Amino acid sequence: MASATKVLIVEDDSHIRRLLRGALTRAEHQVIEAATAREAIAAFGIDKPDAVLLDLGLPDRDGIELIQQAKAGGAAVIVVSARTETSEKVAALDLGADDYCIKPFDTEELLARLRTALRHRLAGSAEREQVVAGVVEIDLLHRRVRRDGVPVHLAPKEYGVLAILAAHPDRVIAHGQLLRDVWGPAHVQQLDYLRIVVRNLRQKLEADPARPQLIVNEPGVGYRLIAAESGR
């Protein structure tokens, strides 16, 4: 997969582009570069990248405005930004970004996040039916959940939250999206509703609910399901 994968770096800092280019080349990715939003938009149409590493602080346009265009072309998008505000992370994830990496970053961690995003991009080309997270099996087609092979009864809201996380394994899903999709638009500010459901899910699914390993928290942003594998 790596040798055939096109990765577009959208970054106005030439030093960071050089650092990313070296890491991606060593990982046998085909690298495309853009220093401005205008160059990135042209690359979306001409080069059709498989993944985009996107800086938000571009000289001609806010990079966050490019997320939906990149996703419309089928690319996985990882935001690589110095912006640490929770609101920025939430906005990027709500617009469809697959992950958010804060500068300064570790290149090996970034490459690992890229591999995950690309893997789920390929899996997403067909409807995901089953997801495995540790000893938990989630059958999205039949709406069944098992832990160590034993059926687990979930309340409708519990299953709703788990199903959304399982449909996007290893990706942070923002609080607002979970509340909107499970409870409805009128409840996007009711974070306590979501916390109660996640606590219940951890009680039913985690080996140690006090130290969750399956449903993990991205503070102030959302939740992520750590999946062992996924498929049809």
C-alpha atoms as a PDB file:
ATOM      1  CA  MET A   1       0.000   0.000   0.000  1.00  0.00           C
ATOM      2  CA  ALA A   2       2.756   2.453   0.994  1.00  0.00           C
ATOM      3  CA  SER A   3       4.549   2.625  -2.374  1.00  0.00           C
ATOM      4  CA  ALA A   4       1.323   3.454  -4.216  1.00  0.00           C
ATOM      5  CA  THR A   5       0.061   5.994  -1.699  1.00  0.00           C
ATOM      6  CA  LYS A   6       0.061   9.692  -2.586  1.00  0.00           C
ATOM      7  CA  VAL A   7       0.379  12.035   0.366  1.00  0.00           C
ATOM      8  CA  LEU A   8      -0.105  15.777  -0.057  1.00  0.00           C
ATOM      9  CA  ILE A   9       1.704  18.036   2.416  1.00  0.00           C
ATOM     10  CA  VAL A  10      -0.074  21.374   2.766  1.00  0.00           C
ATOM     11  CA  GLU A  11       2.336  23.527   4.762  1.00  0.00           C
ATOM     12  CA  ASP A  12       3.790  27.010   4.219  1.00  0.00           C
ATOM     13  CA  ASP A  13       6.863  26.403   6.406  1.00  0.00           C
ATOM     14  CA  SER A  14       9.584  25.017   4.126  1.00  0.00           C
ATOM     15  CA  HIS A  15      11.502  23.471   7.046  1.00  0.00           C
ATOM     16  CA  ILE A  16       8.464  21.467   8.172  1.00  0.00           C
ATOM     17  CA  ARG A  17       7.713  20.443   4.569  1.00  0.00           C
ATOM     18  CA  ARG A  18      11.275  19.169   4.246  1.00  0.00           C
ATOM     19  CA  LEU A  19      10.987  17.231   7.511  1.00  0.00           C
ATOM     20  CA  LEU A  20       7.691  15.664   6.454  1.00  0.00           C
ATOM     21  CA  ARG A  21       8.927  14.922   2.956  1.00  0.00           C
ATOM     22  CA  GLY A  22      11.920  13.029   4.334  1.00  0.00           C
ATOM     23  CA  ALA A  23       9.811  10.957   6.731  1.00  0.00           C
ATOM     24  CA  LEU A  24       7.188  10.151   4.101  1.00  0.00           C
ATOM     25  CA  THR A  25       9.786   9.281   1.462  1.00  0.00           C
ATOM     26  CA  ARG A  26      11.513   6.891   3.856  1.00  0.00           C
ATOM     27  CA  ALA A  27       8.117   5.278   4.435  1.00  0.00           C
ATOM     28  CA  GLU A  28       7.847   4.840   0.642  1.00  0.00           C
ATOM     29  CA  HIS A  29       4.981   7.258   0.097  1.00  0.00           C
ATOM     30  CA  GLN A  30       4.733   9.386  -3.011  1.00  0.00           C
ATOM     31  CA  VAL A  31       4.956  12.983  -1.801  1.00  0.00           C
ATOM     32  CA  ILE A  32       3.219  16.056  -3.216  1.00  0.00           C
ATOM     33  CA  GLU A  33       3.703  19.503  -1.703  1.00  0.00           C
ATOM     34  CA  ALA A  34       1.661  22.688  -1.498  1.00  0.00           C
ATOM     35  CA  ALA A  35       2.676  25.886   0.302  1.00  0.00           C
ATOM     36  CA  THR A  36      -0.673  27.659  -0.085  1.00  0.00           C
ATOM     37  CA  ALA A  37      -4.368  26.836  -0.093  1.00  0.00           C
ATOM     38  CA  ARG A  38      -4.506  27.672  -3.792  1.00  0.00           C
ATOM     39  CA  GLU A  39      -1.782  25.128  -4.575  1.00  0.00           C
ATOM     40  CA  ALA A  40      -3.533  22.551  -2.389  1.00  0.00           C
ATOM     41  CA  ILE A  41      -6.866  22.968  -4.176  1.00  0.00           C
ATOM     42  CA  ALA A  42      -5.111  22.489  -7.521  1.00  0.00           C
ATOM     43  CA  ALA A  43      -3.418  19.330  -6.178  1.00  0.00           C
ATOM     44  CA  PHE A  44      -6.762  17.925  -5.017  1.00  0.00           C
ATOM     45  CA  GLY A  45      -7.968  17.918  -8.612  1.00  0.00           C
ATOM     46  CA  ILE A  46      -4.751  17.099 -10.477  1.00  0.00           C
ATOM     47  CA  ASP A  47      -2.904  14.684  -8.189  1.00  0.00           C
ATOM     48  CA  LYS A  48      -5.901  13.196  -6.338  1.00  0.00           C
ATOM     49  CA  PRO A  49      -3.972  12.400  -3.122  1.00  0.00           C
ATOM     50  CA  ASP A  50      -4.848   9.452  -0.909  1.00  0.00           C
ATOM     51  CA  ALA A  51      -4.048  11.463   2.203  1.00  0.00           C
ATOM     52  CA  VAL A  52      -3.477  15.081   3.158  1.00  0.00           C
ATOM     53  CA  LEU A  53      -1.308  16.416   5.987  1.00  0.00           C
ATOM     54  CA  LEU A  54      -2.906  19.811   6.458  1.00  0.00           C
ATOM     55  CA  ASP A  55      -1.593  22.879   8.248  1.00  0.00           C
ATOM     56  CA  LEU A  56      -4.270  25.372   9.272  1.00  0.00           C
ATOM     57  CA  GLY A  57      -2.180  28.550   9.245  1.00  0.00           C
ATOM     58  CA  LEU A  58      -1.813  29.056   5.506  1.00  0.00           C
ATOM     59  CA  PRO A  59      -0.930  32.481   4.055  1.00  0.00           C
ATOM     60  CA  ASP A  60      -3.891  32.834   1.688  1.00  0.00           C
ATOM     61  CA  ARG A  61      -6.711  30.982   3.457  1.00  0.00           C
ATOM     62  CA  ASP A  62      -7.517  29.201   6.697  1.00  0.00           C
ATOM     63  CA  GLY A  63      -6.611  25.568   6.203  1.00  0.00           C
ATOM     64  CA  ILE A  64      -9.747  24.431   8.000  1.00  0.00           C
ATOM     65  CA  GLU A  65     -11.688  25.555   4.920  1.00  0.00           C
ATOM     66  CA  LEU A  66      -9.935  22.876   2.868  1.00  0.00           C
ATOM     67  CA  ILE A  67     -10.958  19.853   4.936  1.00  0.00           C
ATOM     68  CA  GLN A  68     -14.282  19.218   3.223  1.00  0.00           C
ATOM     69  CA  GLN A  69     -12.755  19.658  -0.240  1.00  0.00           C
ATOM     70  CA  ALA A  70     -10.067  17.110   0.554  1.00  0.00           C
ATOM     71  CA  LYS A  71     -12.612  14.664   1.979  1.00  0.00           C
ATOM     72  CA  ALA A  72     -14.854  15.137  -1.063  1.00  0.00           C
ATOM     73  CA  GLY A  73     -12.009  13.780  -3.160  1.00  0.00           C
ATOM     74  CA  GLY A  74     -11.778  10.684  -0.967  1.00  0.00           C
ATOM     75  CA  ALA A  75      -8.572  11.615   0.873  1.00  0.00           C
ATOM     76  CA  ALA A  76      -7.812  10.879   4.487  1.00  0.00           C
ATOM     77  CA  VAL A  77      -7.064  14.152   6.289  1.00  0.00           C
ATOM     78  CA  ILE A  78      -4.763  14.643   9.251  1.00  0.00           C
ATOM     79  CA  VAL A  79      -4.523  18.188  10.536  1.00  0.00           C
ATOM     80  CA  VAL A  80      -0.968  19.088  11.581  1.00  0.00           C
ATOM     81  CA  SER A  81      -1.182  22.402  13.378  1.00  0.00           C
ATOM     82  CA  ALA A  82       0.277  24.543  16.144  1.00  0.00           C
ATOM     83  CA  ARG A  83      -3.258  25.498  17.190  1.00  0.00           C
ATOM     84  CA  THR A  84      -3.971  23.793  20.498  1.00  0.00           C
ATOM     85  CA  GLU A  85      -7.405  25.240  21.265  1.00  0.00           C
ATOM     86  CA  THR A  86     -10.107  22.644  21.840  1.00  0.00           C
ATOM     87  CA  SER A  87     -12.481  24.603  19.615  1.00  0.00           C
ATOM     88  CA  GLU A  88     -10.071  24.249  16.685  1.00  0.00           C
ATOM     89  CA  LYS A  89      -9.805  20.483  17.174  1.00  0.00           C
ATOM     90  CA  VAL A  90     -13.566  20.103  17.429  1.00  0.00           C
ATOM     91  CA  ALA A  91     -14.162  22.218  14.326  1.00  0.00           C
ATOM     92  CA  ALA A  92     -11.673  20.175  12.287  1.00  0.00           C
ATOM     93  CA  LEU A  93     -13.112  16.843  13.422  1.00  0.00           C
ATOM     94  CA  ASP A  94     -16.679  18.019  12.825  1.00  0.00           C
ATOM     95  CA  LEU A  95     -15.716  18.911   9.267  1.00  0.00           C
ATOM     96  CA  GLY A  96     -14.421  15.378   8.691  1.00  0.00           C
ATOM     97  CA  ALA A  97     -10.732  15.393   9.595  1.00  0.00           C
ATOM     98  CA  ASP A  98      -9.545  11.893  10.486  1.00  0.00           C
ATOM     99  CA  ASP A  99      -7.092  13.054  13.133  1.00  0.00           C
ATOM    100  CA  TYR A 100      -5.429  16.123  14.637  1.00  0.00           C
ATOM    101  CA  CYS A 101      -1.712  16.268  15.409  1.00  0.00           C
ATOM    102  CA  ILE A 102      -0.253  19.230  17.302  1.00  0.00           C
ATOM    103  CA  LYS A 103       3.112  20.778  16.425  1.00  0.00           C
ATOM    104  CA  PRO A 104       5.809  20.080  17.387  1.00  0.00           C
ATOM    105  CA  PHE A 105       5.131  16.466  16.487  1.00  0.00           C
ATOM    106  CA  ASP A 106       6.968  13.167  16.563  1.00  0.00           C
ATOM    107  CA  THR A 107       7.339  11.934  12.982  1.00  0.00           C
ATOM    108  CA  GLU A 108       6.951   8.268  13.919  1.00  0.00           C
ATOM    109  CA  GLU A 109       3.703   8.989  15.742  1.00  0.00           C
ATOM    110  CA  LEU A 110       2.463  11.013  12.771  1.00  0.00           C
ATOM    111  CA  LEU A 111       3.312   8.174  10.382  1.00  0.00           C
ATOM    112  CA  ALA A 112       1.438   5.744  12.636  1.00  0.00           C
ATOM    113  CA  ARG A 113      -1.617   8.013  12.587  1.00  0.00           C
ATOM    114  CA  LEU A 114      -1.318   8.233   8.814  1.00  0.00           C
ATOM    115  CA  ARG A 115      -1.222   4.438   8.473  1.00  0.00           C
ATOM    116  CA  THR A 116      -4.351   4.168  10.607  1.00  0.00           C
ATOM    117  CA  ALA A 117      -6.193   6.825   8.606  1.00  0.00           C
ATOM    118  CA  LEU A 118      -5.254   5.170   5.321  1.00  0.00           C
ATOM    119  CA  ARG A 119      -6.266   1.738   6.568  1.00  0.00           C
ATOM    120  CA  HIS A 120      -9.711   2.982   7.566  1.00  0.00           C
ATOM    121  CA  ARG A 121     -10.027   4.925   4.329  1.00  0.00           C
ATOM    122  CA  LEU A 122      -9.667   1.646   2.445  1.00  0.00           C
ATOM    123  CA  ALA A 123     -12.016  -0.154   4.817  1.00  0.00           C
ATOM    124  CA  GLY A 124     -14.510   2.643   4.370  1.00  0.00           C
ATOM    125  CA  SER A 125     -14.796   1.962   0.635  1.00  0.00           C
ATOM    126  CA  ALA A 126     -17.233  -0.781   1.603  1.00  0.00           C
ATOM    127  CA  GLU A 127     -19.735  -0.688   4.417  1.00  0.00           C
ATOM    128  CA  ARG A 128     -18.107  -1.820   7.643  1.00  0.00           C
ATOM    129  CA  GLU A 129     -20.098  -4.593   9.268  1.00  0.00           C
ATOM    130  CA  GLN A 130     -17.950  -5.913  12.115  1.00  0.00           C
ATOM    131  CA  VAL A 131     -15.411  -4.269  14.389  1.00  0.00           C
ATOM    132  CA  VAL A 132     -13.244  -5.904  17.048  1.00  0.00           C
ATOM    133  CA  ALA A 133     -11.958  -3.853  19.980  1.00  0.00           C
ATOM    134  CA  GLY A 134     -10.012  -5.993  22.429  1.00  0.00           C
ATOM    135  CA  VAL A 135     -12.342  -8.802  23.521  1.00  0.00           C
ATOM    136  CA  VAL A 136     -15.399  -6.880  22.311  1.00  0.00           C
ATOM    137  CA  GLU A 137     -17.028  -7.762  18.988  1.00  0.00           C
ATOM    138  CA  ILE A 138     -19.451  -5.258  17.467  1.00  0.00           C
ATOM    139  CA  ASP A 139     -21.710  -6.557  14.706  1.00  0.00           C
ATOM    140  CA  LEU A 140     -23.053  -3.397  13.091  1.00  0.00           C
ATOM    141  CA  LEU A 141     -25.130  -5.297  10.548  1.00  0.00           C
ATOM    142  CA  HIS A 142     -27.155  -7.204  13.149  1.00  0.00           C
ATOM    143  CA  ARG A 143     -26.796  -4.685  15.998  1.00  0.00           C
ATOM    144  CA  ARG A 144     -25.155  -7.223  18.312  1.00  0.00           C
ATOM    145  CA  VAL A 145     -22.347  -6.764  20.821  1.00  0.00           C
ATOM    146  CA  ARG A 146     -20.355  -9.546  22.498  1.00  0.00           C
ATOM    147  CA  ARG A 147     -17.648  -9.481  25.148  1.00  0.00           C
ATOM    148  CA  ASP A 148     -15.509 -12.610  25.341  1.00  0.00           C
ATOM    149  CA  GLY A 149     -18.166 -14.245  23.179  1.00  0.00           C
ATOM    150  CA  VAL A 150     -20.979 -13.433  25.619  1.00  0.00           C
ATOM    151  CA  PRO A 151     -23.828 -11.193  24.385  1.00  0.00           C
ATOM    152  CA  VAL A 152     -23.941  -7.765  26.029  1.00  0.00           C
ATOM    153  CA  HIS A 153     -27.248  -5.965  26.423  1.00  0.00           C
ATOM    154  CA  LEU A 154     -27.009  -2.261  25.631  1.00  0.00           C
ATOM    155  CA  ALA A 155     -29.668   0.390  26.009  1.00  0.00           C
ATOM    156  CA  PRO A 156     -30.584   2.172  22.726  1.00  0.00           C
ATOM    157  CA  LYS A 157     -28.489   5.275  23.494  1.00  0.00           C
ATOM    158  CA  GLU A 158     -25.545   3.119  24.568  1.00  0.00           C
ATOM    159  CA  TYR A 159     -25.652   1.175  21.332  1.00  0.00           C
ATOM    160  CA  GLY A 160     -26.093   4.385  19.341  1.00  0.00           C
ATOM    161  CA  VAL A 161     -22.902   5.906  20.744  1.00  0.00           C
ATOM    162  CA  LEU A 162     -20.934   2.671  20.387  1.00  0.00           C
ATOM    163  CA  ALA A 163     -22.121   2.166  16.797  1.00  0.00           C
ATOM    164  CA  ILE A 164     -20.906   5.616  15.749  1.00  0.00           C
ATOM    165  CA  LEU A 165     -17.514   5.039  17.360  1.00  0.00           C
ATOM    166  CA  ALA A 166     -17.289   1.575  15.763  1.00  0.00           C
ATOM    167  CA  ALA A 167     -18.173   2.940  12.340  1.00  0.00           C
ATOM    168  CA  HIS A 168     -15.070   5.155  12.608  1.00  0.00           C
ATOM    169  CA  PRO A 169     -12.597   3.082  14.658  1.00  0.00           C
ATOM    170  CA  ASP A 170      -9.453   4.789  15.935  1.00  0.00           C
ATOM    171  CA  ARG A 171     -10.857   8.194  14.955  1.00  0.00           C
ATOM    172  CA  VAL A 172     -11.856  10.845  17.485  1.00  0.00           C
ATOM    173  CA  ILE A 173     -15.567  11.613  17.237  1.00  0.00           C
ATOM    174  CA  ALA A 174     -16.444  15.004  18.694  1.00  0.00           C
ATOM    175  CA  HIS A 175     -18.868  15.308  21.606  1.00  0.00           C
ATOM    176  CA  GLY A 176     -21.180  17.463  19.514  1.00  0.00           C
ATOM    177  CA  GLN A 177     -21.402  14.927  16.701  1.00  0.00           C
ATOM    178  CA  LEU A 178     -22.238  12.092  19.094  1.00  0.00           C
ATOM    179  CA  LEU A 179     -24.891  14.141  20.863  1.00  0.00           C
ATOM    180  CA  ARG A 180     -26.389  15.379  17.605  1.00  0.00           C
ATOM    181  CA  ASP A 181     -26.513  11.945  15.992  1.00  0.00           C
ATOM    182  CA  VAL A 182     -27.780  10.002  19.032  1.00  0.00           C
ATOM    183  CA  TRP A 183     -29.917  12.515  20.949  1.00  0.00           C
ATOM    184  CA  GLY A 184     -30.728  15.042  18.214  1.00  0.00           C
ATOM    185  CA  PRO A 185     -29.697  18.644  17.395  1.00  0.00           C
ATOM    186  CA  ALA A 186     -31.529  20.086  20.406  1.00  0.00           C
ATOM    187  CA  HIS A 187     -29.170  18.259  22.788  1.00  0.00           C
ATOM    188  CA  VAL A 188     -25.703  19.092  21.416  1.00  0.00           C
ATOM    189  CA  GLN A 189     -24.817  20.954  24.636  1.00  0.00           C
ATOM    190  CA  GLN A 190     -25.937  18.154  26.985  1.00  0.00           C
ATOM    191  CA  LEU A 191     -22.497  16.715  27.615  1.00  0.00           C
ATOM    192  CA  ASP A 192     -23.654  15.039  30.834  1.00  0.00           C
ATOM    193  CA  TYR A 193     -25.940  12.765  28.778  1.00  0.00           C
ATOM    194  CA  LEU A 194     -22.954  11.535  26.808  1.00  0.00           C
ATOM    195  CA  ARG A 195     -20.728  11.101  29.850  1.00  0.00           C
ATOM    196  CA  ILE A 196     -23.317   8.913  31.564  1.00  0.00           C
ATOM    197  CA  VAL A 197     -23.684   6.685  28.496  1.00  0.00           C
ATOM    198  CA  VAL A 198     -19.914   6.344  28.041  1.00  0.00           C
ATOM    199  CA  ARG A 199     -19.554   5.476  31.726  1.00  0.00           C
ATOM    200  CA  ASN A 200     -22.188   2.764  31.308  1.00  0.00           C
ATOM    201  CA  LEU A 201     -20.481   1.419  28.193  1.00  0.00           C
ATOM    202  CA  ARG A 202     -17.170   1.200  30.019  1.00  0.00           C
ATOM    203  CA  GLN A 203     -18.816  -0.652  32.898  1.00  0.00           C
ATOM    204  CA  LYS A 204     -20.155  -3.222  30.446  1.00  0.00           C
ATOM    205  CA  LEU A 205     -17.222  -3.522  28.044  1.00  0.00           C
ATOM    206  CA  GLU A 206     -13.933  -2.557  29.708  1.00  0.00           C
ATOM    207  CA  ALA A 207     -11.800  -4.928  31.763  1.00  0.00           C
ATOM    208  CA  ASP A 208     -11.124  -2.024  34.148  1.00  0.00           C
ATOM    209  CA  PRO A 209     -13.688   0.767  33.687  1.00  0.00           C
ATOM    210  CA  ALA A 210     -11.541   3.125  35.769  1.00  0.00           C
ATOM    211  CA  ARG A 211      -8.688   2.704  33.271  1.00  0.00           C
ATOM    212  CA  PRO A 212     -10.410   2.441  29.889  1.00  0.00           C
ATOM    213  CA  GLN A 213      -8.471   0.877  27.048  1.00  0.00           C
ATOM    214  CA  LEU A 214     -11.261   0.584  24.456  1.00  0.00           C
ATOM    215  CA  ILE A 215     -13.277   3.807  24.651  1.00  0.00           C
ATOM    216  CA  VAL A 216     -10.721   6.524  25.312  1.00  0.00           C
ATOM    217  CA  ASN A 217     -11.211  10.209  25.964  1.00  0.00           C
ATOM    218  CA  GLU A 218      -9.695  13.068  23.999  1.00  0.00           C
ATOM    219  CA  PRO A 219     -10.028  15.757  26.714  1.00  0.00           C
ATOM    220  CA  GLY A 220     -12.451  18.477  25.752  1.00  0.00           C
ATOM    221  CA  VAL A 221     -12.917  17.062  22.251  1.00  0.00           C
ATOM    222  CA  GLY A 222     -14.556  13.642  22.078  1.00  0.00           C
ATOM    223  CA  TYR A 223     -14.086   9.879  22.261  1.00  0.00           C
ATOM    224  CA  ARG A 224     -12.212   7.276  20.241  1.00  0.00           C
ATOM    225  CA  LEU A 225     -12.767   3.497  19.975  1.00  0.00           C
ATOM    226  CA  ILE A 226      -9.456   1.650  19.904  1.00  0.00           C
ATOM    227  CA  ALA A 227     -10.030  -1.173  17.445  1.00  0.00           C
ATOM    228  CA  ALA A 228      -7.980  -4.349  17.064  1.00  0.00           C
ATOM    229  CA  GLU A 229      -9.311  -4.989  13.591  1.00  0.00           C
ATOM    230  CA  SER A 230     -12.282  -4.252  11.402  1.00  0.00           C
ATOM    231  CA  GLY A 231     -13.825  -5.721   8.308  1.00  0.00           C
ATOM    232  CA  ARG A 232     -16.867  -6.966   6.444  1.00  0.00           C
END
